[in-house]
Amino acid sequence: MNKNRLMWASRRGMLELDLILQPFVENTFDSLSENDQLRFEALLEREDTQLFVWLMKREQPSDPDSQRIVQIIHESRANSA
């Protein structure tokens, strides 16, 4: 998926998700390995409510691929703060 499509897919129905996902695409996505980029693209296929609980650290994803990319997103936010 090209970057413009990723930016569009990162625009969600919740402002909280937009504020996490869009900066991640802008600032971090290009530096990810190809496998992690694919994990992020797969993450974007999830429902907003599921993404919200993961990205707000209310729950952990059960599958390892989602766990990995959610952790990378959390770390990128911590490093930019």
PDB file of N, CA and C in Angstrom:
ATOM      1  N   MET A   1       0.861  -1.172   0.000  1.00  0.00           N
ATOM      2  CA  MET A   1       0.000   0.000   0.000  1.00  0.00           C
ATOM      3  C   MET A   1       0.909   1.237   0.000  1.00  0.00           C
ATOM      4  N   ASN A   2       0.621   2.189  -0.863  1.00  0.00           N
ATOM      5  CA  ASN A   2       1.469   3.381  -0.886  1.00  0.00           C
ATOM      6  C   ASN A   2       1.133   4.297   0.291  1.00  0.00           C
ATOM      7  N   LYS A   3       2.012   5.252   0.514  1.00  0.00           N
ATOM      8  CA  LYS A   3       1.892   6.081   1.714  1.00  0.00           C
ATOM      9  C   LYS A   3       0.606   6.905   1.732  1.00  0.00           C
ATOM     10  N   ASN A   4       0.184   7.416   0.583  1.00  0.00           N
ATOM     11  CA  ASN A   4      -1.062   8.190   0.546  1.00  0.00           C
ATOM     12  C   ASN A   4      -2.253   7.330   0.951  1.00  0.00           C
ATOM     13  N   ARG A   5      -2.288   6.095   0.484  1.00  0.00           N
ATOM     14  CA  ARG A   5      -3.371   5.182   0.862  1.00  0.00           C
ATOM     15  C   ARG A   5      -3.305   4.855   2.346  1.00  0.00           C
ATOM     16  N   LEU A   6      -2.083   4.701   2.868  1.00  0.00           N
ATOM     17  CA  LEU A   6      -1.925   4.447   4.306  1.00  0.00           C
ATOM     18  C   LEU A   6      -2.425   5.621   5.134  1.00  0.00           C
ATOM     19  N   MET A   7      -2.107   6.823   4.694  1.00  0.00           N
ATOM     20  CA  MET A   7      -2.583   8.000   5.422  1.00  0.00           C
ATOM     21  C   MET A   7      -4.106   8.032   5.419  1.00  0.00           C
ATOM     22  N   TRP A   8      -4.703   7.724   4.283  1.00  0.00           N
ATOM     23  CA  TRP A   8      -6.165   7.720   4.195  1.00  0.00           C
ATOM     24  C   TRP A   8      -6.744   6.623   5.093  1.00  0.00           C
ATOM     25  N   ALA A   9      -6.142   5.427   5.063  1.00  0.00           N
ATOM     26  CA  ALA A   9      -6.625   4.310   5.880  1.00  0.00           C
ATOM     27  C   ALA A   9      -6.433   4.579   7.371  1.00  0.00           C
ATOM     28  N   SER A  10      -5.483   5.453   7.702  1.00  0.00           N
ATOM     29  CA  SER A  10      -5.222   5.791   9.101  1.00  0.00           C
ATOM     30  C   SER A  10      -6.221   6.802   9.644  1.00  0.00           C
ATOM     31  N   ARG A  11      -6.997   7.405   8.776  1.00  0.00           N
ATOM     32  CA  ARG A  11      -8.067   8.311   9.216  1.00  0.00           C
ATOM     33  C   ARG A  11      -9.245   7.447   9.622  1.00  0.00           C
ATOM     34  N   ARG A  12      -9.551   7.470  10.891  1.00  0.00           N
ATOM     35  CA  ARG A  12     -10.558   6.576  11.434  1.00  0.00           C
ATOM     36  C   ARG A  12     -11.781   7.354  11.883  1.00  0.00           C
ATOM     37  N   GLY A  13     -12.699   6.657  12.508  1.00  0.00           N
ATOM     38  CA  GLY A  13     -13.903   7.295  13.016  1.00  0.00           C
ATOM     39  C   GLY A  13     -13.729   7.902  14.389  1.00  0.00           C
ATOM     40  N   MET A  14     -12.566   7.731  14.970  1.00  0.00           N
ATOM     41  CA  MET A  14     -12.296   8.266  16.313  1.00  0.00           C
ATOM     42  C   MET A  14     -11.078   9.175  16.261  1.00  0.00           C
ATOM     43  N   LEU A  15     -11.222  10.367  16.807  1.00  0.00           N
ATOM     44  CA  LEU A  15     -10.121  11.317  16.835  1.00  0.00           C
ATOM     45  C   LEU A  15      -8.895  10.732  17.532  1.00  0.00           C
ATOM     46  N   GLU A  16      -9.118   9.985  18.609  1.00  0.00           N
ATOM     47  CA  GLU A  16      -8.008   9.395  19.361  1.00  0.00           C
ATOM     48  C   GLU A  16      -7.146   8.511  18.465  1.00  0.00           C
ATOM     49  N   LEU A  17      -7.786   7.734  17.602  1.00  0.00           N
ATOM     50  CA  LEU A  17      -7.045   6.862  16.690  1.00  0.00           C
ATOM     51  C   LEU A  17      -6.317   7.680  15.634  1.00  0.00           C
ATOM     52  N   ASP A  18      -6.969   8.711  15.117  1.00  0.00           N
ATOM     53  CA  ASP A  18      -6.319   9.580  14.131  1.00  0.00           C
ATOM     54  C   ASP A  18      -5.039  10.181  14.699  1.00  0.00           C
ATOM     55  N   LEU A  19      -5.092  10.592  15.957  1.00  0.00           N
ATOM     56  CA  LEU A  19      -3.948  11.247  16.590  1.00  0.00           C
ATOM     57  C   LEU A  19      -2.792  10.290  16.865  1.00  0.00           C
ATOM     58  N   ILE A  20      -3.055   9.009  16.822  1.00  0.00           N
ATOM     59  CA  ILE A  20      -2.004   8.004  17.010  1.00  0.00           C
ATOM     60  C   ILE A  20      -1.521   7.478  15.663  1.00  0.00           C
ATOM     61  N   LEU A  21      -2.451   7.082  14.817  1.00  0.00           N
ATOM     62  CA  LEU A  21      -2.090   6.387  13.579  1.00  0.00           C
ATOM     63  C   LEU A  21      -1.481   7.296  12.518  1.00  0.00           C
ATOM     64  N   GLN A  22      -2.030   8.475  12.334  1.00  0.00           N
ATOM     65  CA  GLN A  22      -1.499   9.349  11.285  1.00  0.00           C
ATOM     66  C   GLN A  22      -0.060   9.792  11.556  1.00  0.00           C
ATOM     67  N   PRO A  23       0.282  10.239  12.760  1.00  0.00           N
ATOM     68  CA  PRO A  23       1.691  10.570  13.015  1.00  0.00           C
ATOM     69  C   PRO A  23       2.611   9.348  12.876  1.00  0.00           C
ATOM     70  N   PHE A  24       2.095   8.175  13.219  1.00  0.00           N
ATOM     71  CA  PHE A  24       2.896   6.961  13.065  1.00  0.00           C
ATOM     72  C   PHE A  24       3.239   6.741  11.592  1.00  0.00           C
ATOM     73  N   VAL A  25       2.263   6.903  10.721  1.00  0.00           N
ATOM     74  CA  VAL A  25       2.515   6.732   9.286  1.00  0.00           C
ATOM     75  C   VAL A  25       3.503   7.795   8.806  1.00  0.00           C
ATOM     76  N   GLU A  26       3.311   9.024   9.221  1.00  0.00           N
ATOM     77  CA  GLU A  26       4.169  10.118   8.784  1.00  0.00           C
ATOM     78  C   GLU A  26       5.606   9.977   9.262  1.00  0.00           C
ATOM     79  N   ASN A  27       5.781   9.545  10.515  1.00  0.00           N
ATOM     80  CA  ASN A  27       7.102   9.611  11.137  1.00  0.00           C
ATOM     81  C   ASN A  27       7.837   8.294  11.288  1.00  0.00           C
ATOM     82  N   THR A  28       7.126   7.173  11.282  1.00  0.00           N
ATOM     83  CA  THR A  28       7.761   5.907  11.636  1.00  0.00           C
ATOM     84  C   THR A  28       7.632   4.826  10.571  1.00  0.00           C
ATOM     85  N   PHE A  29       6.532   4.811   9.862  1.00  0.00           N
ATOM     86  CA  PHE A  29       6.227   3.702   8.959  1.00  0.00           C
ATOM     87  C   PHE A  29       7.372   3.387   8.001  1.00  0.00           C
ATOM     88  N   ASP A  30       7.974   4.397   7.393  1.00  0.00           N
ATOM     89  CA  ASP A  30       9.030   4.162   6.396  1.00  0.00           C
ATOM     90  C   ASP A  30      10.249   3.465   6.976  1.00  0.00           C
ATOM     91  N   SER A  31      10.477   3.602   8.268  1.00  0.00           N
ATOM     92  CA  SER A  31      11.656   2.991   8.889  1.00  0.00           C
ATOM     93  C   SER A  31      11.419   1.552   9.334  1.00  0.00           C
ATOM     94  N   LEU A  32      10.185   1.064   9.200  1.00  0.00           N
ATOM     95  CA  LEU A  32       9.870  -0.311   9.602  1.00  0.00           C
ATOM     96  C   LEU A  32      10.393  -1.316   8.595  1.00  0.00           C
ATOM     97  N   SER A  33      10.638  -2.522   9.076  1.00  0.00           N
ATOM     98  CA  SER A  33      10.970  -3.616   8.164  1.00  0.00           C
ATOM     99  C   SER A  33       9.739  -3.916   7.307  1.00  0.00           C
ATOM    100  N   GLU A  34       9.957  -4.615   6.216  1.00  0.00           N
ATOM    101  CA  GLU A  34       8.832  -4.957   5.347  1.00  0.00           C
ATOM    102  C   GLU A  34       7.781  -5.771   6.095  1.00  0.00           C
ATOM    103  N   ASN A  35       8.206  -6.701   6.945  1.00  0.00           N
ATOM    104  CA  ASN A  35       7.254  -7.508   7.716  1.00  0.00           C
ATOM    105  C   ASN A  35       6.435  -6.655   8.671  1.00  0.00           C
ATOM    106  N   ASP A  36       7.085  -5.684   9.316  1.00  0.00           N
ATOM    107  CA  ASP A  36       6.353  -4.802  10.228  1.00  0.00           C
ATOM    108  C   ASP A  36       5.416  -3.869   9.464  1.00  0.00           C
ATOM    109  N   GLN A  37       5.810  -3.446   8.278  1.00  0.00           N
ATOM    110  CA  GLN A  37       4.908  -2.645   7.452  1.00  0.00           C
ATOM    111  C   GLN A  37       3.662  -3.451   7.096  1.00  0.00           C
ATOM    112  N   LEU A  38       3.855  -4.718   6.777  1.00  0.00           N
ATOM    113  CA  LEU A  38       2.706  -5.585   6.483  1.00  0.00           C
ATOM    114  C   LEU A  38       1.837  -5.786   7.716  1.00  0.00           C
ATOM    115  N   ARG A  39       2.461  -5.889   8.871  1.00  0.00           N
ATOM    116  CA  ARG A  39       1.697  -6.012  10.124  1.00  0.00           C
ATOM    117  C   ARG A  39       0.846  -4.761  10.348  1.00  0.00           C
ATOM    118  N   PHE A  40       1.420  -3.595  10.073  1.00  0.00           N
ATOM    119  CA  PHE A  40       0.664  -2.358  10.249  1.00  0.00           C
ATOM    120  C   PHE A  40      -0.510  -2.306   9.274  1.00  0.00           C
ATOM    121  N   GLU A  41      -0.275  -2.679   8.036  1.00  0.00           N
ATOM    122  CA  GLU A  41      -1.362  -2.690   7.054  1.00  0.00           C
ATOM    123  C   GLU A  41      -2.484  -3.629   7.497  1.00  0.00           C
ATOM    124  N   ALA A  42      -2.116  -4.784   8.044  1.00  0.00           N
ATOM    125  CA  ALA A  42      -3.123  -5.729   8.541  1.00  0.00           C
ATOM    126  C   ALA A  42      -3.859  -5.130   9.742  1.00  0.00           C
ATOM    127  N   LEU A  43      -3.136  -4.407  10.580  1.00  0.00           N
ATOM    128  CA  LEU A  43      -3.755  -3.771  11.747  1.00  0.00           C
ATOM    129  C   LEU A  43      -4.844  -2.791  11.324  1.00  0.00           C
ATOM    130  N   LEU A  44      -4.609  -2.084  10.240  1.00  0.00           N
ATOM    131  CA  LEU A  44      -5.576  -1.099   9.761  1.00  0.00           C
ATOM    132  C   LEU A  44      -6.883  -1.731   9.296  1.00  0.00           C
ATOM    133  N   GLU A  45      -6.888  -3.024   9.093  1.00  0.00           N
ATOM    134  CA  GLU A  45      -8.109  -3.725   8.693  1.00  0.00           C
ATOM    135  C   GLU A  45      -9.012  -4.037   9.883  1.00  0.00           C
ATOM    136  N   ARG A  46      -8.515  -3.822  11.084  1.00  0.00           N
ATOM    137  CA  ARG A  46      -9.301  -4.086  12.293  1.00  0.00           C
ATOM    138  C   ARG A  46     -10.351  -3.008  12.502  1.00  0.00           C
ATOM    139  N   GLU A  47     -11.352  -3.334  13.283  1.00  0.00           N
ATOM    140  CA  GLU A  47     -12.403  -2.391  13.646  1.00  0.00           C
ATOM    141  C   GLU A  47     -11.840  -1.314  14.575  1.00  0.00           C
ATOM    142  N   ASP A  48     -12.408  -0.128  14.490  1.00  0.00           N
ATOM    143  CA  ASP A  48     -11.957   0.984  15.331  1.00  0.00           C
ATOM    144  C   ASP A  48     -12.026   0.647  16.817  1.00  0.00           C
ATOM    145  N   THR A  49     -13.092  -0.019  17.223  1.00  0.00           N
ATOM    146  CA  THR A  49     -13.233  -0.326  18.652  1.00  0.00           C
ATOM    147  C   THR A  49     -12.113  -1.236  19.138  1.00  0.00           C
ATOM    148  N   GLN A  50     -11.695  -2.180  18.301  1.00  0.00           N
ATOM    149  CA  GLN A  50     -10.597  -3.075  18.678  1.00  0.00           C
ATOM    150  C   GLN A  50      -9.285  -2.310  18.735  1.00  0.00           C
ATOM    151  N   LEU A  51      -9.031  -1.482  17.734  1.00  0.00           N
ATOM    152  CA  LEU A  51      -7.816  -0.671  17.738  1.00  0.00           C
ATOM    153  C   LEU A  51      -7.772   0.244  18.959  1.00  0.00           C
ATOM    154  N   PHE A  52      -8.899   0.811  19.296  1.00  0.00           N
ATOM    155  CA  PHE A  52      -8.960   1.728  20.424  1.00  0.00           C
ATOM    156  C   PHE A  52      -8.509   1.048  21.721  1.00  0.00           C
ATOM    157  N   VAL A  53      -9.045  -0.116  22.017  1.00  0.00           N
ATOM    158  CA  VAL A  53      -8.674  -0.767  23.284  1.00  0.00           C
ATOM    159  C   VAL A  53      -7.202  -1.176  23.286  1.00  0.00           C
ATOM    160  N   TRP A  54      -6.679  -1.543  22.126  1.00  0.00           N
ATOM    161  CA  TRP A  54      -5.257  -1.900  22.069  1.00  0.00           C
ATOM    162  C   TRP A  54      -4.360  -0.674  22.200  1.00  0.00           C
ATOM    163  N   LEU A  55      -4.683   0.364  21.458  1.00  0.00           N
ATOM    164  CA  LEU A  55      -3.816   1.536  21.437  1.00  0.00           C
ATOM    165  C   LEU A  55      -3.949   2.395  22.688  1.00  0.00           C
ATOM    166  N   MET A  56      -5.049   2.230  23.415  1.00  0.00           N
ATOM    167  CA  MET A  56      -5.210   2.915  24.702  1.00  0.00           C
ATOM    168  C   MET A  56      -4.703   2.039  25.852  1.00  0.00           C
ATOM    169  N   LYS A  57      -4.112   0.914  25.511  1.00  0.00           N
ATOM    170  CA  LYS A  57      -3.507  -0.023  26.469  1.00  0.00           C
ATOM    171  C   LYS A  57      -4.522  -0.610  27.448  1.00  0.00           C
ATOM    172  N   ARG A  58      -5.745  -0.789  26.989  1.00  0.00           N
ATOM    173  CA  ARG A  58      -6.773  -1.407  27.830  1.00  0.00           C
ATOM    174  C   ARG A  58      -6.758  -2.916  27.693  1.00  0.00           C
ATOM    175  N   GLU A  59      -6.313  -3.393  26.536  1.00  0.00           N
ATOM    176  CA  GLU A  59      -6.163  -4.829  26.279  1.00  0.00           C
ATOM    177  C   GLU A  59      -4.925  -5.018  25.417  1.00  0.00           C
ATOM    178  N   GLN A  60      -4.457  -6.276  25.398  1.00  0.00           N
ATOM    179  CA  GLN A  60      -3.361  -6.659  24.512  1.00  0.00           C
ATOM    180  C   GLN A  60      -3.924  -7.531  23.411  1.00  0.00           C
ATOM    181  N   PRO A  61      -3.422  -7.370  22.192  1.00  0.00           N
ATOM    182  CA  PRO A  61      -3.850  -8.285  21.135  1.00  0.00           C
ATOM    183  C   PRO A  61      -3.448  -9.713  21.485  1.00  0.00           C
ATOM    184  N   SER A  62      -4.238 -10.672  21.040  1.00  0.00           N
ATOM    185  CA  SER A  62      -3.915 -12.066  21.346  1.00  0.00           C
ATOM    186  C   SER A  62      -2.918 -12.664  20.360  1.00  0.00           C
ATOM    187  N   ASP A  63      -2.892 -12.161  19.125  1.00  0.00           N
ATOM    188  CA  ASP A  63      -1.962 -12.747  18.156  1.00  0.00           C
ATOM    189  C   ASP A  63      -0.629 -11.989  18.165  1.00  0.00           C
ATOM    190  N   PRO A  64       0.468 -12.710  17.980  1.00  0.00           N
ATOM    191  CA  PRO A  64       1.813 -12.122  18.082  1.00  0.00           C
ATOM    192  C   PRO A  64       2.085 -11.004  17.082  1.00  0.00           C
ATOM    193  N   ASP A  65       1.565 -11.101  15.863  1.00  0.00           N
ATOM    194  CA  ASP A  65       1.812 -10.049  14.878  1.00  0.00           C
ATOM    195  C   ASP A  65       1.179  -8.733  15.312  1.00  0.00           C
ATOM    196  N   SER A  66      -0.046  -8.790  15.774  1.00  0.00           N
ATOM    197  CA  SER A  66      -0.711  -7.575  16.255  1.00  0.00           C
ATOM    198  C   SER A  66      -0.025  -7.049  17.510  1.00  0.00           C
ATOM    199  N   GLN A  67       0.389  -7.942  18.394  1.00  0.00           N
ATOM    200  CA  GLN A  67       1.110  -7.519  19.597  1.00  0.00           C
ATOM    201  C   GLN A  67       2.359  -6.737  19.218  1.00  0.00           C
ATOM    202  N   ARG A  68       3.099  -7.250  18.243  1.00  0.00           N
ATOM    203  CA  ARG A  68       4.353  -6.612  17.838  1.00  0.00           C
ATOM    204  C   ARG A  68       4.103  -5.205  17.288  1.00  0.00           C
ATOM    205  N   ILE A  69       3.179  -5.049  16.372  1.00  0.00           N
ATOM    206  CA  ILE A  69       2.993  -3.734  15.759  1.00  0.00           C
ATOM    207  C   ILE A  69       2.371  -2.749  16.748  1.00  0.00           C
ATOM    208  N   VAL A  70       1.507  -3.214  17.624  1.00  0.00           N
ATOM    209  CA  VAL A  70       0.955  -2.323  18.653  1.00  0.00           C
ATOM    210  C   VAL A  70       2.075  -1.852  19.579  1.00  0.00           C
ATOM    211  N   GLN A  71       2.984  -2.738  19.934  1.00  0.00           N
ATOM    212  CA  GLN A  71       4.123  -2.357  20.774  1.00  0.00           C
ATOM    213  C   GLN A  71       5.006  -1.332  20.069  1.00  0.00           C
ATOM    214  N   ILE A  72       5.241  -1.512  18.784  1.00  0.00           N
ATOM    215  CA  ILE A  72       6.043  -0.555  18.015  1.00  0.00           C
ATOM    216  C   ILE A  72       5.360   0.810  18.004  1.00  0.00           C
ATOM    217  N   ILE A  73       4.053   0.825  17.849  1.00  0.00           N
ATOM    218  CA  ILE A  73       3.307   2.092  17.856  1.00  0.00           C
ATOM    219  C   ILE A  73       3.443   2.759  19.218  1.00  0.00           C
ATOM    220  N   HIS A  74       3.287   1.990  20.293  1.00  0.00           N
ATOM    221  CA  HIS A  74       3.431   2.558  21.644  1.00  0.00           C
ATOM    222  C   HIS A  74       4.835   3.133  21.840  1.00  0.00           C
ATOM    223  N   GLU A  75       5.849   2.399  21.401  1.00  0.00           N
ATOM    224  CA  GLU A  75       7.233   2.860  21.569  1.00  0.00           C
ATOM    225  C   GLU A  75       7.496   4.126  20.755  1.00  0.00           C
ATOM    226  N   SER A  76       6.925   4.198  19.555  1.00  0.00           N
ATOM    227  CA  SER A  76       7.135   5.392  18.731  1.00  0.00           C
ATOM    228  C   SER A  76       6.502   6.618  19.383  1.00  0.00           C
ATOM    229  N   ARG A  77       5.374   6.425  20.038  1.00  0.00           N
ATOM    230  CA  ARG A  77       4.714   7.546  20.739  1.00  0.00           C
ATOM    231  C   ARG A  77       5.543   7.979  21.933  1.00  0.00           C
ATOM    232  N   ALA A  78       6.098   7.021  22.659  1.00  0.00           N
ATOM    233  CA  ALA A  78       6.919   7.345  23.838  1.00  0.00           C
ATOM    234  C   ALA A  78       8.178   8.095  23.412  1.00  0.00           C
ATOM    235  N   ASN A  79       8.757   7.702  22.281  1.00  0.00           N
ATOM    236  CA  ASN A  79       9.981   8.342  21.805  1.00  0.00           C
ATOM    237  C   ASN A  79       9.742   9.741  21.253  1.00  0.00           C
ATOM    238  N   SER A  80       8.534  10.013  20.805  1.00  0.00           N
ATOM    239  CA  SER A  80       8.247  11.333  20.239  1.00  0.00           C
ATOM    240  C   SER A  80       7.758  12.325  21.289  1.00  0.00           C
ATOM    241  N   ALA A  81       7.477  11.819  22.478  1.00  0.00           N
ATOM    242  CA  ALA A  81       6.946  12.704  23.537  1.00  0.00           C
ATOM    243  C   ALA A  81       8.044  13.474  24.226  1.00  0.00           C
TER     244      ALA A  81
END
